[in-house]
């Protein structure tokens, strides 16, 4: 029954997205789509930059290739892309990280903890959305306000793991803490939240996988020879253990 309900919600999701877009266009005009499109593009660009540069550097320092890790996890990433939820692949991700030679205790600690507290893309989203709403409502914000938004987003994003649509709730809580920005402005980003949820989920998942590999490498909890063999495709990943 649970899976049938989830399947029904996934099928109906496009209707919800279409309704949100129709509301935004009807209330703010067709011109709002251009600004919203730029917001989505900026968020995807910022997330890709973070993954490629920051996470790529962490993987390089740890002695591994980010590209090979993404190739190894490509099936799980495709599921997350389709569902905008990283929770849907939690068991598979943990099994694959263990299969590449990372100690069970490290995977069992870092991945579940990271799902709640290591939400890099989520923090990027909250910050960009808050600034977008401020600009869209002609609300002047100072450097202190920007720093406050960044600091608050790092706190409010914790615990909002893997649940599609939770970003709107977290964004509302963040805006309530910044009196200068009208909280009602969050309806502006409601119509594109689903699209941005794709980058949020993917960025968060990749960040948690990189964190697991990095911590395992620094603590000596990874079989490097096994990991390189699996990532290079020279050894199969047995996820049945």
C-alpha atoms as a PDB file:
ATOM      1  CA  UNK A   1       0.000   0.000   0.000  1.00  0.00           C
ATOM      2  CA  UNK A   2       2.861   2.367   0.823  1.00  0.00           C
ATOM      3  CA  UNK A   3       4.552   1.871  -2.537  1.00  0.00           C
ATOM      4  CA  UNK A   4       1.238   2.267  -4.368  1.00  0.00           C
ATOM      5  CA  UNK A   5       0.653   5.553  -2.548  1.00  0.00           C
ATOM      6  CA  UNK A   6       4.172   6.772  -3.391  1.00  0.00           C
ATOM      7  CA  UNK A   7       3.663   5.780  -7.020  1.00  0.00           C
ATOM      8  CA  UNK A   8       0.396   7.713  -7.148  1.00  0.00           C
ATOM      9  CA  UNK A   9       2.029  10.810  -5.657  1.00  0.00           C
ATOM     10  CA  UNK A  10       4.881  10.631  -8.170  1.00  0.00           C
ATOM     11  CA  UNK A  11       2.377  10.431 -11.044  1.00  0.00           C
ATOM     12  CA  UNK A  12       0.395  13.392  -9.704  1.00  0.00           C
ATOM     13  CA  UNK A  13       3.472  15.540  -8.981  1.00  0.00           C
ATOM     14  CA  UNK A  14       3.566  17.102 -12.494  1.00  0.00           C
ATOM     15  CA  UNK A  15      -0.002  18.338 -11.998  1.00  0.00           C
ATOM     16  CA  UNK A  16       1.021  20.071  -8.786  1.00  0.00           C
ATOM     17  CA  UNK A  17       3.998  21.678 -10.512  1.00  0.00           C
ATOM     18  CA  UNK A  18       1.785  22.820 -13.402  1.00  0.00           C
ATOM     19  CA  UNK A  19      -0.719  24.303 -10.957  1.00  0.00           C
ATOM     20  CA  UNK A  20       1.987  26.205  -9.095  1.00  0.00           C
ATOM     21  CA  UNK A  21       3.384  27.595 -12.359  1.00  0.00           C
ATOM     22  CA  UNK A  22      -0.109  28.616 -13.501  1.00  0.00           C
ATOM     23  CA  UNK A  23      -0.703  30.428 -10.202  1.00  0.00           C
ATOM     24  CA  UNK A  24       2.596  32.302 -10.445  1.00  0.00           C
ATOM     25  CA  UNK A  25       2.024  33.346 -14.060  1.00  0.00           C
ATOM     26  CA  UNK A  26      -1.573  34.373 -13.357  1.00  0.00           C
ATOM     27  CA  UNK A  27      -0.618  36.501 -10.364  1.00  0.00           C
ATOM     28  CA  UNK A  28       2.709  38.003 -11.461  1.00  0.00           C
ATOM     29  CA  UNK A  29       2.568  37.831 -15.260  1.00  0.00           C
ATOM     30  CA  UNK A  30       4.344  35.803 -17.931  1.00  0.00           C
ATOM     31  CA  UNK A  31       7.501  37.835 -17.370  1.00  0.00           C
ATOM     32  CA  UNK A  32       7.993  36.138 -14.020  1.00  0.00           C
ATOM     33  CA  UNK A  33       8.926  32.907 -15.805  1.00  0.00           C
ATOM     34  CA  UNK A  34      12.118  34.483 -17.134  1.00  0.00           C
ATOM     35  CA  UNK A  35      13.317  35.488 -13.673  1.00  0.00           C
ATOM     36  CA  UNK A  36      12.330  32.113 -12.231  1.00  0.00           C
ATOM     37  CA  UNK A  37      14.154  30.360 -15.057  1.00  0.00           C
ATOM     38  CA  UNK A  38      17.273  32.373 -14.281  1.00  0.00           C
ATOM     39  CA  UNK A  39      16.947  31.422 -10.601  1.00  0.00           C
ATOM     40  CA  UNK A  40      16.745  27.720 -11.482  1.00  0.00           C
ATOM     41  CA  UNK A  41      19.715  28.018 -13.850  1.00  0.00           C
ATOM     42  CA  UNK A  42      21.750  29.884 -11.230  1.00  0.00           C
ATOM     43  CA  UNK A  43      20.988  27.277  -8.585  1.00  0.00           C
ATOM     44  CA  UNK A  44      21.920  24.393 -10.872  1.00  0.00           C
ATOM     45  CA  UNK A  45      25.110  26.238 -11.826  1.00  0.00           C
ATOM     46  CA  UNK A  46      26.033  26.925  -8.201  1.00  0.00           C
ATOM     47  CA  UNK A  47      25.392  23.303  -7.240  1.00  0.00           C
ATOM     48  CA  UNK A  48      27.419  21.963 -10.171  1.00  0.00           C
ATOM     49  CA  UNK A  49      30.264  24.347  -9.286  1.00  0.00           C
ATOM     50  CA  UNK A  50      30.183  23.205  -5.655  1.00  0.00           C
ATOM     51  CA  UNK A  51      30.205  19.531  -6.626  1.00  0.00           C
ATOM     52  CA  UNK A  52      32.869  19.851  -9.323  1.00  0.00           C
ATOM     53  CA  UNK A  53      35.238  22.214  -7.524  1.00  0.00           C
ATOM     54  CA  UNK A  54      34.766  21.822  -3.769  1.00  0.00           C
ATOM     55  CA  UNK A  55      33.788  18.159  -3.612  1.00  0.00           C
ATOM     56  CA  UNK A  56      36.134  17.329  -6.484  1.00  0.00           C
ATOM     57  CA  UNK A  57      39.032  18.860  -4.548  1.00  0.00           C
ATOM     58  CA  UNK A  58      38.104  16.912  -1.413  1.00  0.00           C
ATOM     59  CA  UNK A  59      38.063  13.675  -3.405  1.00  0.00           C
ATOM     60  CA  UNK A  60      41.420  14.490  -4.988  1.00  0.00           C
ATOM     61  CA  UNK A  61      42.980  15.195  -1.590  1.00  0.00           C
ATOM     62  CA  UNK A  62      41.537  11.880  -0.395  1.00  0.00           C
ATOM     63  CA  UNK A  63      43.216  10.107  -3.306  1.00  0.00           C
ATOM     64  CA  UNK A  64      40.158   9.295  -5.413  1.00  0.00           C
ATOM     65  CA  UNK A  65      38.354  10.582  -8.505  1.00  0.00           C
ATOM     66  CA  UNK A  66      34.988  12.299  -8.162  1.00  0.00           C
ATOM     67  CA  UNK A  67      34.068  11.371 -11.738  1.00  0.00           C
ATOM     68  CA  UNK A  68      34.692   7.673 -11.084  1.00  0.00           C
ATOM     69  CA  UNK A  69      32.622   7.821  -7.892  1.00  0.00           C
ATOM     70  CA  UNK A  70      29.710   9.421  -9.761  1.00  0.00           C
ATOM     71  CA  UNK A  71      29.995   6.803 -12.495  1.00  0.00           C
ATOM     72  CA  UNK A  72      29.928   4.071  -9.839  1.00  0.00           C
ATOM     73  CA  UNK A  73      26.773   5.565  -8.285  1.00  0.00           C
ATOM     74  CA  UNK A  74      25.076   6.488 -11.572  1.00  0.00           C
ATOM     75  CA  UNK A  75      22.053   4.221 -11.085  1.00  0.00           C
ATOM     76  CA  UNK A  76      21.267   5.681  -7.661  1.00  0.00           C
ATOM     77  CA  UNK A  77      21.771   9.208  -8.989  1.00  0.00           C
ATOM     78  CA  UNK A  78      19.254   8.557 -11.766  1.00  0.00           C
ATOM     79  CA  UNK A  79      16.670   7.388  -9.217  1.00  0.00           C
ATOM     80  CA  UNK A  80      17.246  10.531  -7.153  1.00  0.00           C
ATOM     81  CA  UNK A  81      16.958  12.642 -10.310  1.00  0.00           C
ATOM     82  CA  UNK A  82      13.545  11.122 -11.039  1.00  0.00           C
ATOM     83  CA  UNK A  83      12.157  11.223  -7.492  1.00  0.00           C
ATOM     84  CA  UNK A  84      13.903  14.375  -6.135  1.00  0.00           C
ATOM     85  CA  UNK A  85      14.424  12.388  -2.935  1.00  0.00           C
ATOM     86  CA  UNK A  86      17.690  10.918  -1.677  1.00  0.00           C
ATOM     87  CA  UNK A  87      15.874   8.737   0.865  1.00  0.00           C
ATOM     88  CA  UNK A  88      14.774   6.424  -1.937  1.00  0.00           C
ATOM     89  CA  UNK A  89      18.325   5.117  -2.430  1.00  0.00           C
ATOM     90  CA  UNK A  90      19.668   5.127   1.132  1.00  0.00           C
ATOM     91  CA  UNK A  91      20.055   1.313   1.432  1.00  0.00           C
ATOM     92  CA  UNK A  92      21.650   1.010  -2.014  1.00  0.00           C
ATOM     93  CA  UNK A  93      24.089   3.848  -1.350  1.00  0.00           C
ATOM     94  CA  UNK A  94      25.223   2.332   1.946  1.00  0.00           C
ATOM     95  CA  UNK A  95      25.628  -1.092   0.329  1.00  0.00           C
ATOM     96  CA  UNK A  96      27.697   0.288  -2.555  1.00  0.00           C
ATOM     97  CA  UNK A  97      29.994   2.310  -0.294  1.00  0.00           C
ATOM     98  CA  UNK A  98      30.619  -0.790   1.820  1.00  0.00           C
ATOM     99  CA  UNK A  99      31.216  -2.831  -1.340  1.00  0.00           C
ATOM    100  CA  UNK A 100      33.984  -0.481  -2.454  1.00  0.00           C
ATOM    101  CA  UNK A 101      35.953  -1.207   0.706  1.00  0.00           C
ATOM    102  CA  UNK A 102      34.746   1.291   3.306  1.00  0.00           C
ATOM    103  CA  UNK A 103      34.322  -0.094   6.808  1.00  0.00           C
ATOM    104  CA  UNK A 104      30.721  -0.815   7.819  1.00  0.00           C
ATOM    105  CA  UNK A 105      30.938   1.301  10.984  1.00  0.00           C
ATOM    106  CA  UNK A 106      32.044   4.377   9.024  1.00  0.00           C
ATOM    107  CA  UNK A 107      29.286   4.058   6.433  1.00  0.00           C
ATOM    108  CA  UNK A 108      26.700   3.360   9.132  1.00  0.00           C
ATOM    109  CA  UNK A 109      27.671   6.523  11.008  1.00  0.00           C
ATOM    110  CA  UNK A 110      28.466   9.073   8.299  1.00  0.00           C
ATOM    111  CA  UNK A 111      25.651   8.443   5.785  1.00  0.00           C
ATOM    112  CA  UNK A 112      22.641   8.548   8.182  1.00  0.00           C
ATOM    113  CA  UNK A 113      24.154  11.509  10.040  1.00  0.00           C
ATOM    114  CA  UNK A 114      24.908  13.319   6.797  1.00  0.00           C
ATOM    115  CA  UNK A 115      21.339  12.829   5.571  1.00  0.00           C
ATOM    116  CA  UNK A 116      20.205  15.066   8.445  1.00  0.00           C
ATOM    117  CA  UNK A 117      23.128  17.445   8.943  1.00  0.00           C
ATOM    118  CA  UNK A 118      25.260  17.526   5.780  1.00  0.00           C
ATOM    119  CA  UNK A 119      22.856  19.239   3.384  1.00  0.00           C
ATOM    120  CA  UNK A 120      25.175  21.365   1.247  1.00  0.00           C
ATOM    121  CA  UNK A 121      22.867  21.931  -1.722  1.00  0.00           C
ATOM    122  CA  UNK A 122      19.958  22.637   0.613  1.00  0.00           C
ATOM    123  CA  UNK A 123      21.871  25.513   2.234  1.00  0.00           C
ATOM    124  CA  UNK A 124      22.758  26.914  -1.196  1.00  0.00           C
ATOM    125  CA  UNK A 125      19.087  26.787  -2.197  1.00  0.00           C
ATOM    126  CA  UNK A 126      17.826  28.563   0.919  1.00  0.00           C
ATOM    127  CA  UNK A 127      20.358  31.372   0.511  1.00  0.00           C
ATOM    128  CA  UNK A 128      19.664  31.913  -3.204  1.00  0.00           C
ATOM    129  CA  UNK A 129      15.888  31.729  -2.763  1.00  0.00           C
ATOM    130  CA  UNK A 130      15.919  34.240   0.096  1.00  0.00           C
ATOM    131  CA  UNK A 131      18.021  36.706  -1.905  1.00  0.00           C
ATOM    132  CA  UNK A 132      15.788  36.203  -4.969  1.00  0.00           C
ATOM    133  CA  UNK A 133      12.643  36.937  -2.948  1.00  0.00           C
ATOM    134  CA  UNK A 134      14.243  40.059  -1.483  1.00  0.00           C
ATOM    135  CA  UNK A 135      15.129  41.351  -4.949  1.00  0.00           C
ATOM    136  CA  UNK A 136      11.741  40.402  -6.422  1.00  0.00           C
ATOM    137  CA  UNK A 137       9.924  42.332  -3.685  1.00  0.00           C
ATOM    138  CA  UNK A 138      12.300  45.317  -3.928  1.00  0.00           C
ATOM    139  CA  UNK A 139      13.467  44.719  -0.368  1.00  0.00           C
ATOM    140  CA  UNK A 140      16.903  46.230   0.292  1.00  0.00           C
ATOM    141  CA  UNK A 141      19.216  43.885   2.174  1.00  0.00           C
ATOM    142  CA  UNK A 142      22.561  44.781   3.685  1.00  0.00           C
ATOM    143  CA  UNK A 143      25.724  42.737   3.942  1.00  0.00           C
ATOM    144  CA  UNK A 144      24.735  41.925   7.511  1.00  0.00           C
ATOM    145  CA  UNK A 145      21.400  40.577   6.237  1.00  0.00           C
ATOM    146  CA  UNK A 146      23.210  38.385   3.699  1.00  0.00           C
ATOM    147  CA  UNK A 147      25.469  36.973   6.396  1.00  0.00           C
ATOM    148  CA  UNK A 148      22.421  36.407   8.611  1.00  0.00           C
ATOM    149  CA  UNK A 149      20.638  34.548   5.795  1.00  0.00           C
ATOM    150  CA  UNK A 150      23.683  32.330   5.285  1.00  0.00           C
ATOM    151  CA  UNK A 151      24.051  31.601   9.001  1.00  0.00           C
ATOM    152  CA  UNK A 152      20.347  30.918   9.524  1.00  0.00           C
ATOM    153  CA  UNK A 153      20.126  28.671   6.461  1.00  0.00           C
ATOM    154  CA  UNK A 154      22.923  26.516   7.856  1.00  0.00           C
ATOM    155  CA  UNK A 155      20.773  25.951  10.950  1.00  0.00           C
ATOM    156  CA  UNK A 156      17.273  25.695   9.463  1.00  0.00           C
ATOM    157  CA  UNK A 157      18.384  23.226   6.787  1.00  0.00           C
ATOM    158  CA  UNK A 158      19.365  20.626   9.374  1.00  0.00           C
ATOM    159  CA  UNK A 159      16.911  17.768   9.633  1.00  0.00           C
ATOM    160  CA  UNK A 160      15.135  18.534   6.336  1.00  0.00           C
ATOM    161  CA  UNK A 161      16.548  15.453   4.656  1.00  0.00           C
ATOM    162  CA  UNK A 162      15.236  13.680   1.616  1.00  0.00           C
ATOM    163  CA  UNK A 163      11.617  14.807   1.791  1.00  0.00           C
ATOM    164  CA  UNK A 164      10.329  16.413  -1.440  1.00  0.00           C
ATOM    165  CA  UNK A 165       8.726  19.785  -0.726  1.00  0.00           C
ATOM    166  CA  UNK A 166      10.325  20.233   2.696  1.00  0.00           C
ATOM    167  CA  UNK A 167      12.424  23.087   1.319  1.00  0.00           C
ATOM    168  CA  UNK A 168       9.386  25.398   1.227  1.00  0.00           C
ATOM    169  CA  UNK A 169       8.787  24.839   4.939  1.00  0.00           C
ATOM    170  CA  UNK A 170      12.447  25.463   5.751  1.00  0.00           C
ATOM    171  CA  UNK A 171      12.507  28.548   3.512  1.00  0.00           C
ATOM    172  CA  UNK A 172       9.456  29.919   5.331  1.00  0.00           C
ATOM    173  CA  UNK A 173      11.194  29.415   8.683  1.00  0.00           C
ATOM    174  CA  UNK A 174      14.295  31.168   7.380  1.00  0.00           C
ATOM    175  CA  UNK A 175      12.334  34.158   6.077  1.00  0.00           C
ATOM    176  CA  UNK A 176      10.517  34.482   9.399  1.00  0.00           C
ATOM    177  CA  UNK A 177      13.909  34.975  11.039  1.00  0.00           C
ATOM    178  CA  UNK A 178      14.781  37.808   8.605  1.00  0.00           C
ATOM    179  CA  UNK A 179      12.132  40.507   9.255  1.00  0.00           C
ATOM    180  CA  UNK A 180      13.328  42.633   6.335  1.00  0.00           C
ATOM    181  CA  UNK A 181      12.221  40.020   3.772  1.00  0.00           C
ATOM    182  CA  UNK A 182       8.441  39.429   3.433  1.00  0.00           C
ATOM    183  CA  UNK A 183       7.736  35.748   4.102  1.00  0.00           C
ATOM    184  CA  UNK A 184       4.749  35.824   1.746  1.00  0.00           C
ATOM    185  CA  UNK A 185       7.274  36.157  -1.068  1.00  0.00           C
ATOM    186  CA  UNK A 186       8.004  32.439  -0.910  1.00  0.00           C
ATOM    187  CA  UNK A 187       5.030  31.863  -3.242  1.00  0.00           C
ATOM    188  CA  UNK A 188       7.283  33.300  -5.949  1.00  0.00           C
ATOM    189  CA  UNK A 189       9.554  30.243  -5.881  1.00  0.00           C
ATOM    190  CA  UNK A 190       6.833  27.688  -5.192  1.00  0.00           C
ATOM    191  CA  UNK A 191       6.275  27.024  -8.887  1.00  0.00           C
ATOM    192  CA  UNK A 192       9.911  26.063  -9.550  1.00  0.00           C
ATOM    193  CA  UNK A 193      10.648  24.331  -6.264  1.00  0.00           C
ATOM    194  CA  UNK A 194      10.230  20.875  -7.818  1.00  0.00           C
ATOM    195  CA  UNK A 195      12.815  21.614 -10.507  1.00  0.00           C
ATOM    196  CA  UNK A 196      15.259  22.978  -7.948  1.00  0.00           C
ATOM    197  CA  UNK A 197      14.564  19.919  -5.817  1.00  0.00           C
ATOM    198  CA  UNK A 198      16.399  17.819  -8.409  1.00  0.00           C
ATOM    199  CA  UNK A 199      19.661  19.704  -7.852  1.00  0.00           C
ATOM    200  CA  UNK A 200      19.066  19.798  -4.082  1.00  0.00           C
ATOM    201  CA  UNK A 201      18.670  16.042  -3.802  1.00  0.00           C
ATOM    202  CA  UNK A 202      21.577  15.241  -6.111  1.00  0.00           C
ATOM    203  CA  UNK A 203      23.899  17.759  -4.459  1.00  0.00           C
ATOM    204  CA  UNK A 204      23.070  16.525  -0.967  1.00  0.00           C
ATOM    205  CA  UNK A 205      23.550  12.873  -1.916  1.00  0.00           C
ATOM    206  CA  UNK A 206      26.869  13.448  -3.664  1.00  0.00           C
ATOM    207  CA  UNK A 207      28.063  15.539  -0.716  1.00  0.00           C
ATOM    208  CA  UNK A 208      27.270  12.744   1.728  1.00  0.00           C
ATOM    209  CA  UNK A 209      28.990  10.109  -0.414  1.00  0.00           C
ATOM    210  CA  UNK A 210      32.091  12.277  -0.765  1.00  0.00           C
ATOM    211  CA  UNK A 211      32.086  12.937   2.984  1.00  0.00           C
ATOM    212  CA  UNK A 212      31.974   9.190   3.653  1.00  0.00           C
ATOM    213  CA  UNK A 213      34.879   8.475   1.304  1.00  0.00           C
ATOM    214  CA  UNK A 214      36.923  11.384   2.683  1.00  0.00           C
ATOM    215  CA  UNK A 215      36.394  10.477   6.341  1.00  0.00           C
ATOM    216  CA  UNK A 216      37.144   6.820   5.624  1.00  0.00           C
ATOM    217  CA  UNK A 217      40.339   7.815   3.809  1.00  0.00           C
ATOM    218  CA  UNK A 218      41.504  10.126   6.577  1.00  0.00           C
ATOM    219  CA  UNK A 219      40.724   7.579   9.308  1.00  0.00           C
ATOM    220  CA  UNK A 220      42.205   4.631   7.437  1.00  0.00           C
ATOM    221  CA  UNK A 221      38.824   2.886   7.274  1.00  0.00           C
ATOM    222  CA  UNK A 222      38.947   2.116   3.561  1.00  0.00           C
ATOM    223  CA  UNK A 223      40.659  -0.585   1.540  1.00  0.00           C
ATOM    224  CA  UNK A 224      42.254   1.691  -1.060  1.00  0.00           C
ATOM    225  CA  UNK A 225      43.239  -1.118  -3.398  1.00  0.00           C
ATOM    226  CA  UNK A 226      39.708  -2.490  -3.349  1.00  0.00           C
ATOM    227  CA  UNK A 227      38.186   0.986  -3.763  1.00  0.00           C
ATOM    228  CA  UNK A 228      40.321   1.838  -6.796  1.00  0.00           C
ATOM    229  CA  UNK A 229      39.577  -1.547  -8.368  1.00  0.00           C
ATOM    230  CA  UNK A 230      35.821  -1.052  -7.949  1.00  0.00           C
ATOM    231  CA  UNK A 231      35.829   2.561  -9.143  1.00  0.00           C
ATOM    232  CA  UNK A 232      37.988   1.650 -12.153  1.00  0.00           C
ATOM    233  CA  UNK A 233      35.645  -1.202 -13.035  1.00  0.00           C
ATOM    234  CA  UNK A 234      38.346  -3.841 -12.538  1.00  0.00           C
ATOM    235  CA  UNK A 235      36.411  -5.506  -9.706  1.00  0.00           C
ATOM    236  CA  UNK A 236      32.713  -6.090  -9.275  1.00  0.00           C
ATOM    237  CA  UNK A 237      30.865  -4.509  -6.353  1.00  0.00           C
ATOM    238  CA  UNK A 238      29.211  -7.235  -4.309  1.00  0.00           C
ATOM    239  CA  UNK A 239      26.379  -5.481  -2.457  1.00  0.00           C
ATOM    240  CA  UNK A 240      24.841  -8.636  -1.049  1.00  0.00           C
ATOM    241  CA  UNK A 241      27.034  -8.781   2.049  1.00  0.00           C
END
